[in-house]
Amino acid sequence: MKDKKKTAGVTSGSPAADTLQKPAETPQSTEKRAEAPVIDEATSALLKTIADFDGKYFEGAFNIRSNCMSLGRRSTENIRIESKTDLPGLDIRIAPGTKGEKCFIPACVTKPDVDDLVYNDFFVSEGADVTIVAGCGVHTETGEPARHSGIHRFFLEKGARVLYVEKHVGTGSDQTKKVIDPQTQCFLAEGAYIEMDTSQLGGVSTSVRRTSAELAAGAQIVIRERLLTDADETAESYFTVTLNGEDSKVNLMSRSVARGNSHQTYQSNIIGNARSYGHSECDAILAENGRVDAMPQLSANCQDAELIHEAAIGKIAGEQIMKLRTLGLTEEQAEAAIIDGFLK
């Protein structure tokens, strides 16, 4: 007779339930495993922010990573999550024709002096249409720095569609260095589509964000980036999109706010190697002593490549502040409302 698995409810700081089962060991894997999986308060709070975790369940396939360990994992019939055998990270395989399913792979760092590096590959088969949520949060209270680097690669087959949502946040002591360095690489086959909604909305000391994509005929990528930096934080964003196939398209939009003494750098390059369409737009608001460098670039290697870029950097208009103050808001409240609306 087979042994029945024991399950329990999941609460902050309690053992994980059936939805948070410890994954099977892979002897060759370099990824660490938690001996007694738990979700502590700091991790639970980060998961709520970056992946809308309710403290109990994720809808669909998921893998929760915390402090270099996998706290829990679940695959579905159409989405298979497996540990890599040569590197820390995952292979996520999505079956042909999968529709409407979600896959969550959030990562958290909640201990000091942790340098977490993970490689995740997504193989999205022909005709699939899925949502992937892959946020990252870093929380520390002591003086030691903490860092997470996630390297994600997307391989979309013909006609595959993906909505990719990625939120980054840092919490805890303002005196602690919290670093998030994401890299995303996308390879789109004929007619494939990926929409990337990425945001970094506070608390990250430094970040270097690199995104690249290669598009075949009729493929399309939409990228929306939102950044907020404050104090002495720095954020660098680098985008390279290569339009190799006829009628491939990219629409790249970045909105950012630099406050305090923070500094942001934005660089983009859209390369048109065939009849294609590319558009990039960088809008930034400066507050206090914030600084932004914007360097959009276009490279047309085909006379039928239609490439456009726009960049605008400025401060919040005084008349906007005055209008909101007549409605009863303080100057600080008015500025916060304008920034919130701009980043949305």
C-alpha atoms as a PDB file:
ATOM      1  CA  MET A   1       0.000   0.000   0.000  1.00  0.00           C
ATOM      2  CA  LYS A   2       1.332   3.425  -0.955  1.00  0.00           C
ATOM      3  CA  ASP A   3       1.903   5.969   1.801  1.00  0.00           C
ATOM      4  CA  LYS A   4      -0.449   8.915   1.785  1.00  0.00           C
ATOM      5  CA  LYS A   5       1.137  12.365   1.735  1.00  0.00           C
ATOM      6  CA  LYS A   6       0.452  14.547   4.756  1.00  0.00           C
ATOM      7  CA  THR A   7      -0.825  18.076   4.118  1.00  0.00           C
ATOM      8  CA  ALA A   8      -1.515  21.093   6.268  1.00  0.00           C
ATOM      9  CA  GLY A   9      -2.815  24.615   5.868  1.00  0.00           C
ATOM     10  CA  VAL A  10      -0.296  27.279   4.883  1.00  0.00           C
ATOM     11  CA  THR A  11       0.113  30.319   7.077  1.00  0.00           C
ATOM     12  CA  SER A  12       3.002  32.694   7.548  1.00  0.00           C
ATOM     13  CA  GLY A  13       5.737  30.778   9.321  1.00  0.00           C
ATOM     14  CA  SER A  14       3.980  27.381   9.087  1.00  0.00           C
ATOM     15  CA  PRO A  15       4.943  24.215   7.172  1.00  0.00           C
ATOM     16  CA  ALA A  16       4.033  24.266   3.483  1.00  0.00           C
ATOM     17  CA  ALA A  17       0.887  22.456   2.334  1.00  0.00           C
ATOM     18  CA  ASP A  18       0.136  20.253  -0.635  1.00  0.00           C
ATOM     19  CA  THR A  19       0.326  23.318  -2.878  1.00  0.00           C
ATOM     20  CA  LEU A  20       3.817  23.932  -1.525  1.00  0.00           C
ATOM     21  CA  GLN A  21       5.334  20.478  -1.651  1.00  0.00           C
ATOM     22  CA  LYS A  22       9.075  20.066  -1.508  1.00  0.00           C
ATOM     23  CA  PRO A  23      10.242  19.130  -5.028  1.00  0.00           C
ATOM     24  CA  ALA A  24      11.998  15.829  -5.634  1.00  0.00           C
ATOM     25  CA  GLU A  25      15.763  15.906  -5.410  1.00  0.00           C
ATOM     26  CA  THR A  26      17.793  15.843  -8.608  1.00  0.00           C
ATOM     27  CA  PRO A  27      21.229  14.372  -7.740  1.00  0.00           C
ATOM     28  CA  GLN A  28      23.089  16.447 -10.332  1.00  0.00           C
ATOM     29  CA  SER A  29      21.312  19.715  -9.485  1.00  0.00           C
ATOM     30  CA  THR A  30      23.285  22.547  -7.881  1.00  0.00           C
ATOM     31  CA  GLU A  31      20.092  24.102  -6.529  1.00  0.00           C
ATOM     32  CA  LYS A  32      19.704  23.845  -2.751  1.00  0.00           C
ATOM     33  CA  ARG A  33      16.596  22.301  -1.176  1.00  0.00           C
ATOM     34  CA  ALA A  34      14.839  23.290   2.022  1.00  0.00           C
ATOM     35  CA  GLU A  35      14.792  20.433   4.534  1.00  0.00           C
ATOM     36  CA  ALA A  36      11.699  21.816   6.287  1.00  0.00           C
ATOM     37  CA  PRO A  37       9.887  24.156   3.893  1.00  0.00           C
ATOM     38  CA  VAL A  38       8.366  27.211   5.556  1.00  0.00           C
ATOM     39  CA  ILE A  39       7.172  30.592   4.365  1.00  0.00           C
ATOM     40  CA  ASP A  40       8.276  33.206   6.872  1.00  0.00           C
ATOM     41  CA  GLU A  41       6.663  36.606   7.297  1.00  0.00           C
ATOM     42  CA  ALA A  42       9.245  38.495   5.219  1.00  0.00           C
ATOM     43  CA  THR A  43       8.977  36.063   2.313  1.00  0.00           C
ATOM     44  CA  SER A  44       5.181  36.061   2.472  1.00  0.00           C
ATOM     45  CA  ALA A  45       5.090  39.870   2.359  1.00  0.00           C
ATOM     46  CA  LEU A  46       7.427  39.979  -0.638  1.00  0.00           C
ATOM     47  CA  LEU A  47       5.395  37.323  -2.466  1.00  0.00           C
ATOM     48  CA  LYS A  48       2.233  39.353  -1.955  1.00  0.00           C
ATOM     49  CA  THR A  49       3.892  42.418  -3.500  1.00  0.00           C
ATOM     50  CA  ILE A  50       5.613  40.790  -6.451  1.00  0.00           C
ATOM     51  CA  ALA A  51       3.199  37.970  -7.285  1.00  0.00           C
ATOM     52  CA  ASP A  52      -0.131  38.719  -5.522  1.00  0.00           C
ATOM     53  CA  PHE A  53       0.364  35.694  -3.251  1.00  0.00           C
ATOM     54  CA  ASP A  54      -2.518  35.349  -0.767  1.00  0.00           C
ATOM     55  CA  GLY A  55      -0.507  33.315   1.740  1.00  0.00           C
ATOM     56  CA  LYS A  56      -2.035  29.988   0.722  1.00  0.00           C
ATOM     57  CA  TYR A  57      -2.267  29.278  -2.972  1.00  0.00           C
ATOM     58  CA  PHE A  58      -1.064  30.064  -6.457  1.00  0.00           C
ATOM     59  CA  GLU A  59      -3.437  29.436  -9.327  1.00  0.00           C
ATOM     60  CA  GLY A  60      -1.673  27.164 -11.805  1.00  0.00           C
ATOM     61  CA  ALA A  61       1.909  25.953 -11.995  1.00  0.00           C
ATOM     62  CA  PHE A  62       4.468  27.528  -9.660  1.00  0.00           C
ATOM     63  CA  ASN A  63       7.898  27.382  -8.095  1.00  0.00           C
ATOM     64  CA  ILE A  64       8.753  29.527  -5.058  1.00  0.00           C
ATOM     65  CA  ARG A  65      12.438  30.326  -4.626  1.00  0.00           C
ATOM     66  CA  SER A  66      13.792  31.873  -1.435  1.00  0.00           C
ATOM     67  CA  ASN A  67      17.417  32.357  -0.382  1.00  0.00           C
ATOM     68  CA  CYS A  68      18.734  29.985  -3.068  1.00  0.00           C
ATOM     69  CA  MET A  69      16.233  27.250  -2.141  1.00  0.00           C
ATOM     70  CA  SER A  70      13.005  25.980  -3.662  1.00  0.00           C
ATOM     71  CA  LEU A  71      10.277  26.225  -1.025  1.00  0.00           C
ATOM     72  CA  GLY A  72       7.632  24.539  -3.146  1.00  0.00           C
ATOM     73  CA  ARG A  73       6.661  23.555  -6.648  1.00  0.00           C
ATOM     74  CA  ARG A  74       3.700  22.342  -8.644  1.00  0.00           C
ATOM     75  CA  SER A  75       3.438  21.387 -12.305  1.00  0.00           C
ATOM     76  CA  THR A  76       0.202  21.008 -14.235  1.00  0.00           C
ATOM     77  CA  GLU A  77      -0.779  18.744 -17.086  1.00  0.00           C
ATOM     78  CA  ASN A  78       0.294  21.391 -19.613  1.00  0.00           C
ATOM     79  CA  ILE A  79       3.075  23.241 -17.752  1.00  0.00           C
ATOM     80  CA  ARG A  80       6.003  21.180 -16.514  1.00  0.00           C
ATOM     81  CA  ILE A  81       8.571  22.715 -14.132  1.00  0.00           C
ATOM     82  CA  GLU A  82      11.825  20.809 -13.643  1.00  0.00           C
ATOM     83  CA  SER A  83      15.172  21.579 -12.005  1.00  0.00           C
ATOM     84  CA  LYS A  84      18.154  22.025 -14.266  1.00  0.00           C
ATOM     85  CA  THR A  85      20.823  19.370 -13.926  1.00  0.00           C
ATOM     86  CA  ASP A  86      23.827  21.619 -14.632  1.00  0.00           C
ATOM     87  CA  LEU A  87      22.913  25.039 -13.232  1.00  0.00           C
ATOM     88  CA  PRO A  88      20.770  26.501 -10.442  1.00  0.00           C
ATOM     89  CA  GLY A  89      17.397  27.142 -12.002  1.00  0.00           C
ATOM     90  CA  LEU A  90      14.477  25.705 -13.912  1.00  0.00           C
ATOM     91  CA  ASP A  91      13.313  24.431 -17.266  1.00  0.00           C
ATOM     92  CA  ILE A  92       9.655  25.319 -17.803  1.00  0.00           C
ATOM     93  CA  ARG A  93       8.001  23.484 -20.703  1.00  0.00           C
ATOM     94  CA  ILE A  94       4.570  24.546 -21.936  1.00  0.00           C
ATOM     95  CA  ALA A  95       2.652  22.090 -24.104  1.00  0.00           C
ATOM     96  CA  PRO A  96       1.331  22.952 -27.589  1.00  0.00           C
ATOM     97  CA  GLY A  97      -2.056  24.658 -27.610  1.00  0.00           C
ATOM     98  CA  THR A  98      -2.113  25.439 -23.869  1.00  0.00           C
ATOM     99  CA  LYS A  99      -4.617  28.253 -23.309  1.00  0.00           C
ATOM    100  CA  GLY A 100      -5.314  30.546 -20.373  1.00  0.00           C
ATOM    101  CA  GLU A 101      -2.975  28.928 -17.830  1.00  0.00           C
ATOM    102  CA  LYS A 102      -0.600  30.733 -15.465  1.00  0.00           C
ATOM    103  CA  CYS A 103       2.899  29.947 -14.248  1.00  0.00           C
ATOM    104  CA  PHE A 104       4.422  31.651 -11.193  1.00  0.00           C
ATOM    105  CA  ILE A 105       8.165  31.600 -10.491  1.00  0.00           C
ATOM    106  CA  PRO A 106       8.804  34.349  -7.894  1.00  0.00           C
ATOM    107  CA  ALA A 107      12.171  34.612  -6.131  1.00  0.00           C
ATOM    108  CA  CYS A 108      12.949  36.207  -2.773  1.00  0.00           C
ATOM    109  CA  VAL A 109      16.022  37.003  -0.717  1.00  0.00           C
ATOM    110  CA  THR A 110      15.347  37.639   2.968  1.00  0.00           C
ATOM    111  CA  LYS A 111      18.732  36.954   4.530  1.00  0.00           C
ATOM    112  CA  PRO A 112      21.863  39.131   4.571  1.00  0.00           C
ATOM    113  CA  ASP A 113      25.012  38.280   2.662  1.00  0.00           C
ATOM    114  CA  VAL A 114      23.145  36.176   0.068  1.00  0.00           C
ATOM    115  CA  ASP A 115      24.128  36.333  -3.607  1.00  0.00           C
ATOM    116  CA  ASP A 116      21.443  34.362  -5.442  1.00  0.00           C
ATOM    117  CA  LEU A 117      21.924  33.456  -9.118  1.00  0.00           C
ATOM    118  CA  VAL A 118      19.301  31.513 -11.064  1.00  0.00           C
ATOM    119  CA  TYR A 119      18.863  30.456 -14.711  1.00  0.00           C
ATOM    120  CA  ASN A 120      15.301  29.870 -15.908  1.00  0.00           C
ATOM    121  CA  ASP A 121      14.424  28.750 -19.459  1.00  0.00           C
ATOM    122  CA  PHE A 122      10.878  28.841 -20.830  1.00  0.00           C
ATOM    123  CA  PHE A 123       9.997  26.643 -23.791  1.00  0.00           C
ATOM    124  CA  VAL A 124       6.608  27.758 -25.109  1.00  0.00           C
ATOM    125  CA  SER A 125       5.255  25.380 -27.732  1.00  0.00           C
ATOM    126  CA  GLU A 126       3.293  26.220 -30.875  1.00  0.00           C
ATOM    127  CA  GLY A 127      -0.104  27.805 -30.330  1.00  0.00           C
ATOM    128  CA  ALA A 128       0.208  28.181 -26.544  1.00  0.00           C
ATOM    129  CA  ASP A 129      -1.183  31.322 -24.867  1.00  0.00           C
ATOM    130  CA  VAL A 130      -0.112  31.707 -21.215  1.00  0.00           C
ATOM    131  CA  THR A 131       0.729  34.182 -18.457  1.00  0.00           C
ATOM    132  CA  ILE A 132       4.077  33.970 -16.630  1.00  0.00           C
ATOM    133  CA  VAL A 133       4.711  35.875 -13.380  1.00  0.00           C
ATOM    134  CA  ALA A 134       8.355  36.114 -12.308  1.00  0.00           C
ATOM    135  CA  GLY A 135       8.892  38.836  -9.724  1.00  0.00           C
ATOM    136  CA  CYS A 136      11.781  39.268  -7.310  1.00  0.00           C
ATOM    137  CA  GLY A 137      11.987  40.840  -3.862  1.00  0.00           C
ATOM    138  CA  VAL A 138      14.949  41.500  -1.559  1.00  0.00           C
ATOM    139  CA  HIS A 139      14.440  42.213   2.154  1.00  0.00           C
ATOM    140  CA  THR A 140      17.253  42.764   4.649  1.00  0.00           C
ATOM    141  CA  GLU A 141      17.486  44.411   8.053  1.00  0.00           C
ATOM    142  CA  THR A 142      21.215  44.183   8.857  1.00  0.00           C
ATOM    143  CA  GLY A 143      24.228  45.801   7.242  1.00  0.00           C
ATOM    144  CA  GLU A 144      25.300  42.996   4.911  1.00  0.00           C
ATOM    145  CA  PRO A 145      24.318  43.359   1.232  1.00  0.00           C
ATOM    146  CA  ALA A 146      21.976  40.952  -0.560  1.00  0.00           C
ATOM    147  CA  ARG A 147      21.628  40.296  -4.280  1.00  0.00           C
ATOM    148  CA  HIS A 148      19.465  38.377  -6.734  1.00  0.00           C
ATOM    149  CA  SER A 149      20.346  37.836 -10.393  1.00  0.00           C
ATOM    150  CA  GLY A 150      17.761  36.138 -12.567  1.00  0.00           C
ATOM    151  CA  ILE A 151      18.673  35.099 -16.111  1.00  0.00           C
ATOM    152  CA  HIS A 152      15.532  34.219 -18.057  1.00  0.00           C
ATOM    153  CA  ARG A 153      15.376  32.921 -21.617  1.00  0.00           C
ATOM    154  CA  PHE A 154      12.153  32.586 -23.610  1.00  0.00           C
ATOM    155  CA  PHE A 155      11.897  30.314 -26.636  1.00  0.00           C
ATOM    156  CA  LEU A 156       8.538  30.881 -28.344  1.00  0.00           C
ATOM    157  CA  GLU A 157       7.537  28.551 -31.159  1.00  0.00           C
ATOM    158  CA  LYS A 158       5.306  29.478 -34.091  1.00  0.00           C
ATOM    159  CA  GLY A 159       2.192  31.384 -33.033  1.00  0.00           C
ATOM    160  CA  ALA A 160       2.921  31.138 -29.291  1.00  0.00           C
ATOM    161  CA  ARG A 161       1.772  34.017 -27.056  1.00  0.00           C
ATOM    162  CA  VAL A 162       3.052  35.032 -23.610  1.00  0.00           C
ATOM    163  CA  LEU A 163       2.150  37.743 -21.116  1.00  0.00           C
ATOM    164  CA  TYR A 164       5.202  38.138 -18.875  1.00  0.00           C
ATOM    165  CA  VAL A 165       4.800  40.101 -15.625  1.00  0.00           C
ATOM    166  CA  GLU A 166       7.882  40.933 -13.557  1.00  0.00           C
ATOM    167  CA  LYS A 167       7.885  43.115 -10.429  1.00  0.00           C
ATOM    168  CA  HIS A 168      10.995  44.007  -8.449  1.00  0.00           C
ATOM    169  CA  VAL A 169      11.072  45.564  -4.987  1.00  0.00           C
ATOM    170  CA  GLY A 170      13.447  46.082  -2.083  1.00  0.00           C
ATOM    171  CA  THR A 171      12.297  46.367   1.534  1.00  0.00           C
ATOM    172  CA  GLY A 172      13.834  46.586   4.988  1.00  0.00           C
ATOM    173  CA  SER A 173      16.613  48.837   6.251  1.00  0.00           C
ATOM    174  CA  ASP A 174      17.536  51.874   4.156  1.00  0.00           C
ATOM    175  CA  GLN A 175      21.148  51.319   5.231  1.00  0.00           C
ATOM    176  CA  THR A 176      21.391  47.896   3.592  1.00  0.00           C
ATOM    177  CA  LYS A 177      22.427  47.418  -0.020  1.00  0.00           C
ATOM    178  CA  LYS A 178      19.800  45.495  -1.967  1.00  0.00           C
ATOM    179  CA  VAL A 179      20.737  44.526  -5.539  1.00  0.00           C
ATOM    180  CA  ILE A 180      18.578  43.038  -8.325  1.00  0.00           C
ATOM    181  CA  ASP A 181      20.211  42.383 -11.720  1.00  0.00           C
ATOM    182  CA  PRO A 182      17.764  40.754 -14.165  1.00  0.00           C
ATOM    183  CA  GLN A 183      18.620  39.538 -17.664  1.00  0.00           C
ATOM    184  CA  THR A 184      15.926  38.532 -20.148  1.00  0.00           C
ATOM    185  CA  GLN A 185      16.481  37.033 -23.590  1.00  0.00           C
ATOM    186  CA  CYS A 186      13.619  36.333 -26.010  1.00  0.00           C
ATOM    187  CA  PHE A 187      13.683  34.265 -29.191  1.00  0.00           C
ATOM    188  CA  LEU A 188      10.443  34.517 -31.165  1.00  0.00           C
ATOM    189  CA  ALA A 189       9.594  32.207 -34.067  1.00  0.00           C
ATOM    190  CA  GLU A 190       7.216  33.126 -36.889  1.00  0.00           C
ATOM    191  CA  GLY A 191       4.039  34.834 -35.666  1.00  0.00           C
ATOM    192  CA  ALA A 192       4.954  34.581 -31.976  1.00  0.00           C
ATOM    193  CA  TYR A 193       4.012  37.346 -29.525  1.00  0.00           C
ATOM    194  CA  ILE A 194       5.297  38.341 -26.101  1.00  0.00           C
ATOM    195  CA  GLU A 195       4.148  41.222 -23.938  1.00  0.00           C
ATOM    196  CA  MET A 196       6.474  42.154 -21.081  1.00  0.00           C
ATOM    197  CA  ASP A 197       5.193  44.267 -18.178  1.00  0.00           C
ATOM    198  CA  THR A 198       8.199  44.958 -15.963  1.00  0.00           C
ATOM    199  CA  SER A 199       8.466  47.270 -12.970  1.00  0.00           C
ATOM    200  CA  GLN A 200      10.880  48.259 -10.232  1.00  0.00           C
ATOM    201  CA  LEU A 201       8.997  50.447  -7.815  1.00  0.00           C
ATOM    202  CA  GLY A 202      11.287  51.274  -4.949  1.00  0.00           C
ATOM    203  CA  GLY A 203      13.831  50.091  -2.425  1.00  0.00           C
ATOM    204  CA  VAL A 204      16.398  48.573  -4.804  1.00  0.00           C
ATOM    205  CA  SER A 205      19.841  50.092  -4.183  1.00  0.00           C
ATOM    206  CA  THR A 206      21.319  49.211  -7.558  1.00  0.00           C
ATOM    207  CA  SER A 207      20.075  47.321 -10.586  1.00  0.00           C
ATOM    208  CA  VAL A 208      21.370  46.540 -14.056  1.00  0.00           C
ATOM    209  CA  ARG A 209      18.493  45.402 -16.274  1.00  0.00           C
ATOM    210  CA  ARG A 210      19.333  43.815 -19.626  1.00  0.00           C
ATOM    211  CA  THR A 211      16.718  42.748 -22.180  1.00  0.00           C
ATOM    212  CA  SER A 212      17.300  41.404 -25.686  1.00  0.00           C
ATOM    213  CA  ALA A 213      15.034  39.875 -28.326  1.00  0.00           C
ATOM    214  CA  GLU A 214      15.316  38.341 -31.779  1.00  0.00           C
ATOM    215  CA  LEU A 215      12.182  38.236 -33.930  1.00  0.00           C
ATOM    216  CA  ALA A 216      11.304  36.103 -36.950  1.00  0.00           C
ATOM    217  CA  ALA A 217       8.701  36.978 -39.595  1.00  0.00           C
ATOM    218  CA  GLY A 218       5.433  38.342 -38.230  1.00  0.00           C
ATOM    219  CA  ALA A 219       6.611  38.127 -34.615  1.00  0.00           C
ATOM    220  CA  GLN A 220       5.883  40.946 -32.176  1.00  0.00           C
ATOM    221  CA  ILE A 221       7.198  42.101 -28.797  1.00  0.00           C
ATOM    222  CA  VAL A 222       5.688  44.770 -26.542  1.00  0.00           C
ATOM    223  CA  ILE A 223       7.794  45.954 -23.599  1.00  0.00           C
ATOM    224  CA  ARG A 224       6.530  48.225 -20.814  1.00  0.00           C
ATOM    225  CA  GLU A 225       9.067  49.249 -18.174  1.00  0.00           C
ATOM    226  CA  ARG A 226       8.311  51.324 -15.050  1.00  0.00           C
ATOM    227  CA  LEU A 227      11.034  52.488 -12.674  1.00  0.00           C
ATOM    228  CA  LEU A 228      11.135  54.473  -9.444  1.00  0.00           C
ATOM    229  CA  THR A 229      14.425  55.359  -7.760  1.00  0.00           C
ATOM    230  CA  ASP A 230      15.085  57.468  -4.671  1.00  0.00           C
ATOM    231  CA  ALA A 231      17.877  58.434  -2.260  1.00  0.00           C
ATOM    232  CA  ASP A 232      21.225  57.290  -3.759  1.00  0.00           C
ATOM    233  CA  GLU A 233      19.787  54.405  -5.807  1.00  0.00           C
ATOM    234  CA  THR A 234      20.950  53.687  -9.350  1.00  0.00           C
ATOM    235  CA  ALA A 235      19.168  51.836 -12.149  1.00  0.00           C
ATOM    236  CA  GLU A 236      20.495  50.963 -15.593  1.00  0.00           C
ATOM    237  CA  SER A 237      18.273  49.629 -18.386  1.00  0.00           C
ATOM    238  CA  TYR A 238      19.626  48.209 -21.647  1.00  0.00           C
ATOM    239  CA  PHE A 239      17.402  46.995 -24.487  1.00  0.00           C
ATOM    240  CA  THR A 240      18.410  45.410 -27.795  1.00  0.00           C
ATOM    241  CA  VAL A 241      15.726  44.173 -30.199  1.00  0.00           C
ATOM    242  CA  THR A 242      16.672  42.654 -33.553  1.00  0.00           C
ATOM    243  CA  LEU A 243      13.951  42.496 -36.208  1.00  0.00           C
ATOM    244  CA  ASN A 244      15.110  39.733 -38.526  1.00  0.00           C
ATOM    245  CA  GLY A 245      11.838  38.703 -40.169  1.00  0.00           C
ATOM    246  CA  GLU A 246       9.497  40.555 -42.476  1.00  0.00           C
ATOM    247  CA  ASP A 247       6.645  42.367 -40.725  1.00  0.00           C
ATOM    248  CA  SER A 248       8.162  41.816 -37.285  1.00  0.00           C
ATOM    249  CA  LYS A 249       7.364  44.560 -34.750  1.00  0.00           C
ATOM    250  CA  VAL A 250       8.553  46.011 -31.457  1.00  0.00           C
ATOM    251  CA  ASN A 251       6.937  48.627 -29.248  1.00  0.00           C
ATOM    252  CA  LEU A 252       9.184  49.620 -26.332  1.00  0.00           C
ATOM    253  CA  MET A 253       7.941  52.026 -23.657  1.00  0.00           C
ATOM    254  CA  SER A 254       9.843  53.095 -20.545  1.00  0.00           C
ATOM    255  CA  ARG A 255       8.490  55.408 -17.858  1.00  0.00           C
ATOM    256  CA  SER A 256      10.586  56.362 -14.873  1.00  0.00           C
ATOM    257  CA  VAL A 257      10.816  58.710 -11.913  1.00  0.00           C
ATOM    258  CA  ALA A 258      14.176  59.686 -10.405  1.00  0.00           C
ATOM    259  CA  ARG A 259      13.941  61.240  -6.938  1.00  0.00           C
ATOM    260  CA  GLY A 260      16.419  62.194  -4.213  1.00  0.00           C
ATOM    261  CA  ASN A 261      19.988  61.827  -5.484  1.00  0.00           C
ATOM    262  CA  SER A 262      19.226  58.785  -7.628  1.00  0.00           C
ATOM    263  CA  HIS A 263      20.583  58.216 -11.117  1.00  0.00           C
ATOM    264  CA  GLN A 264      19.060  56.279 -14.006  1.00  0.00           C
ATOM    265  CA  THR A 265      20.542  55.239 -17.338  1.00  0.00           C
ATOM    266  CA  TYR A 266      18.435  54.152 -20.311  1.00  0.00           C
ATOM    267  CA  GLN A 267      19.876  52.701 -23.523  1.00  0.00           C
ATOM    268  CA  SER A 268      17.951  51.051 -26.335  1.00  0.00           C
ATOM    269  CA  ASN A 269      18.829  49.820 -29.795  1.00  0.00           C
ATOM    270  CA  ILE A 270      16.275  48.627 -32.333  1.00  0.00           C
ATOM    271  CA  ILE A 271      17.869  46.871 -35.304  1.00  0.00           C
ATOM    272  CA  GLY A 272      15.803  46.472 -38.467  1.00  0.00           C
ATOM    273  CA  ASN A 273      17.231  43.773 -40.750  1.00  0.00           C
ATOM    274  CA  ALA A 274      14.053  43.343 -42.815  1.00  0.00           C
ATOM    275  CA  ARG A 275      10.784  45.079 -43.609  1.00  0.00           C
ATOM    276  CA  SER A 276       9.710  45.775 -40.042  1.00  0.00           C
ATOM    277  CA  TYR A 277       8.378  48.338 -37.580  1.00  0.00           C
ATOM    278  CA  GLY A 278      10.073  49.521 -34.397  1.00  0.00           C
ATOM    279  CA  HIS A 279       9.129  52.198 -31.884  1.00  0.00           C
ATOM    280  CA  SER A 280      10.790  53.173 -28.611  1.00  0.00           C
ATOM    281  CA  GLU A 281       9.606  55.761 -26.120  1.00  0.00           C
ATOM    282  CA  CYS A 282      11.410  56.909 -22.976  1.00  0.00           C
ATOM    283  CA  ASP A 283       9.645  59.346 -20.610  1.00  0.00           C
ATOM    284  CA  ALA A 284      11.212  60.377 -17.306  1.00  0.00           C
ATOM    285  CA  ILE A 285      10.310  62.716 -14.461  1.00  0.00           C
ATOM    286  CA  LEU A 286      12.976  64.323 -12.298  1.00  0.00           C
ATOM    287  CA  ALA A 287      12.335  65.305  -8.693  1.00  0.00           C
ATOM    288  CA  GLU A 288      14.751  66.910  -6.230  1.00  0.00           C
ATOM    289  CA  ASN A 289      18.286  66.022  -7.428  1.00  0.00           C
ATOM    290  CA  GLY A 290      17.420  62.992  -9.556  1.00  0.00           C
ATOM    291  CA  ARG A 291      19.285  62.450 -12.840  1.00  0.00           C
ATOM    292  CA  VAL A 292      18.426  60.486 -15.984  1.00  0.00           C
ATOM    293  CA  ASP A 293      20.545  59.707 -19.058  1.00  0.00           C
ATOM    294  CA  ALA A 294      18.537  58.519 -22.085  1.00  0.00           C
ATOM    295  CA  MET A 295      20.268  57.131 -25.184  1.00  0.00           C
ATOM    296  CA  PRO A 296      17.848  55.591 -27.699  1.00  0.00           C
ATOM    297  CA  GLN A 297      19.434  54.194 -30.864  1.00  0.00           C
ATOM    298  CA  LEU A 298      18.105  52.920 -34.185  1.00  0.00           C
ATOM    299  CA  SER A 299      19.929  50.768 -36.735  1.00  0.00           C
ATOM    300  CA  ALA A 300      18.200  50.304 -40.094  1.00  0.00           C
ATOM    301  CA  ASN A 301      19.813  47.670 -42.315  1.00  0.00           C
ATOM    302  CA  CYS A 302      16.885  47.460 -44.724  1.00  0.00           C
ATOM    303  CA  GLN A 303      15.250  50.316 -46.627  1.00  0.00           C
ATOM    304  CA  ASP A 304      11.818  48.997 -45.646  1.00  0.00           C
ATOM    305  CA  ALA A 305      12.543  49.112 -41.914  1.00  0.00           C
ATOM    306  CA  GLU A 306      10.414  51.807 -40.258  1.00  0.00           C
ATOM    307  CA  LEU A 307      12.032  52.764 -36.953  1.00  0.00           C
ATOM    308  CA  ILE A 308      11.047  55.590 -34.587  1.00  0.00           C
ATOM    309  CA  HIS A 309      12.283  56.728 -31.188  1.00  0.00           C
ATOM    310  CA  GLU A 310      11.103  59.361 -28.715  1.00  0.00           C
ATOM    311  CA  ALA A 311      12.608  60.595 -25.454  1.00  0.00           C
ATOM    312  CA  ALA A 312      11.376  63.195 -22.980  1.00  0.00           C
ATOM    313  CA  ILE A 313      12.829  64.163 -19.587  1.00  0.00           C
ATOM    314  CA  GLY A 314      11.444  66.892 -17.336  1.00  0.00           C
ATOM    315  CA  LYS A 315      10.015  67.844 -13.977  1.00  0.00           C
ATOM    316  CA  ILE A 316       6.431  67.817 -12.770  1.00  0.00           C
ATOM    317  CA  ALA A 317       4.613  70.840 -14.148  1.00  0.00           C
ATOM    318  CA  GLY A 318       3.743  73.463 -11.545  1.00  0.00           C
ATOM    319  CA  GLU A 319       0.209  73.851 -12.886  1.00  0.00           C
ATOM    320  CA  GLN A 320      -0.433  70.157 -12.235  1.00  0.00           C
ATOM    321  CA  ILE A 321       0.545  70.582  -8.595  1.00  0.00           C
ATOM    322  CA  MET A 322      -1.593  73.724  -8.255  1.00  0.00           C
ATOM    323  CA  LYS A 323      -4.653  72.044  -9.784  1.00  0.00           C
ATOM    324  CA  LEU A 324      -4.509  69.167  -7.324  1.00  0.00           C
ATOM    325  CA  ARG A 325      -3.900  71.500  -4.381  1.00  0.00           C
ATOM    326  CA  THR A 326      -7.141  73.333  -5.193  1.00  0.00           C
ATOM    327  CA  LEU A 327      -8.835  69.962  -4.637  1.00  0.00           C
ATOM    328  CA  GLY A 328      -7.506  69.848  -1.087  1.00  0.00           C
ATOM    329  CA  LEU A 329      -4.250  67.908  -1.508  1.00  0.00           C
ATOM    330  CA  THR A 330      -0.993  69.015   0.051  1.00  0.00           C
ATOM    331  CA  GLU A 331       1.981  69.589  -2.240  1.00  0.00           C
ATOM    332  CA  GLU A 332       3.476  66.225  -1.206  1.00  0.00           C
ATOM    333  CA  GLN A 333       0.165  64.431  -1.798  1.00  0.00           C
ATOM    334  CA  ALA A 334      -0.247  66.106  -5.188  1.00  0.00           C
ATOM    335  CA  GLU A 335       3.246  65.100  -6.276  1.00  0.00           C
ATOM    336  CA  ALA A 336       2.679  61.509  -5.118  1.00  0.00           C
ATOM    337  CA  ALA A 337      -0.609  61.316  -7.037  1.00  0.00           C
ATOM    338  CA  ILE A 338       1.021  62.620 -10.233  1.00  0.00           C
ATOM    339  CA  ILE A 339       3.903  60.148  -9.959  1.00  0.00           C
ATOM    340  CA  ASP A 340       1.561  57.257  -9.244  1.00  0.00           C
ATOM    341  CA  GLY A 341      -0.570  58.073 -12.276  1.00  0.00           C
ATOM    342  CA  PHE A 342       2.496  58.520 -14.478  1.00  0.00           C
ATOM    343  CA  LEU A 343       3.944  55.126 -13.556  1.00  0.00           C
ATOM    344  CA  LYS A 344       0.611  53.362 -14.076  1.00  0.00           C
END
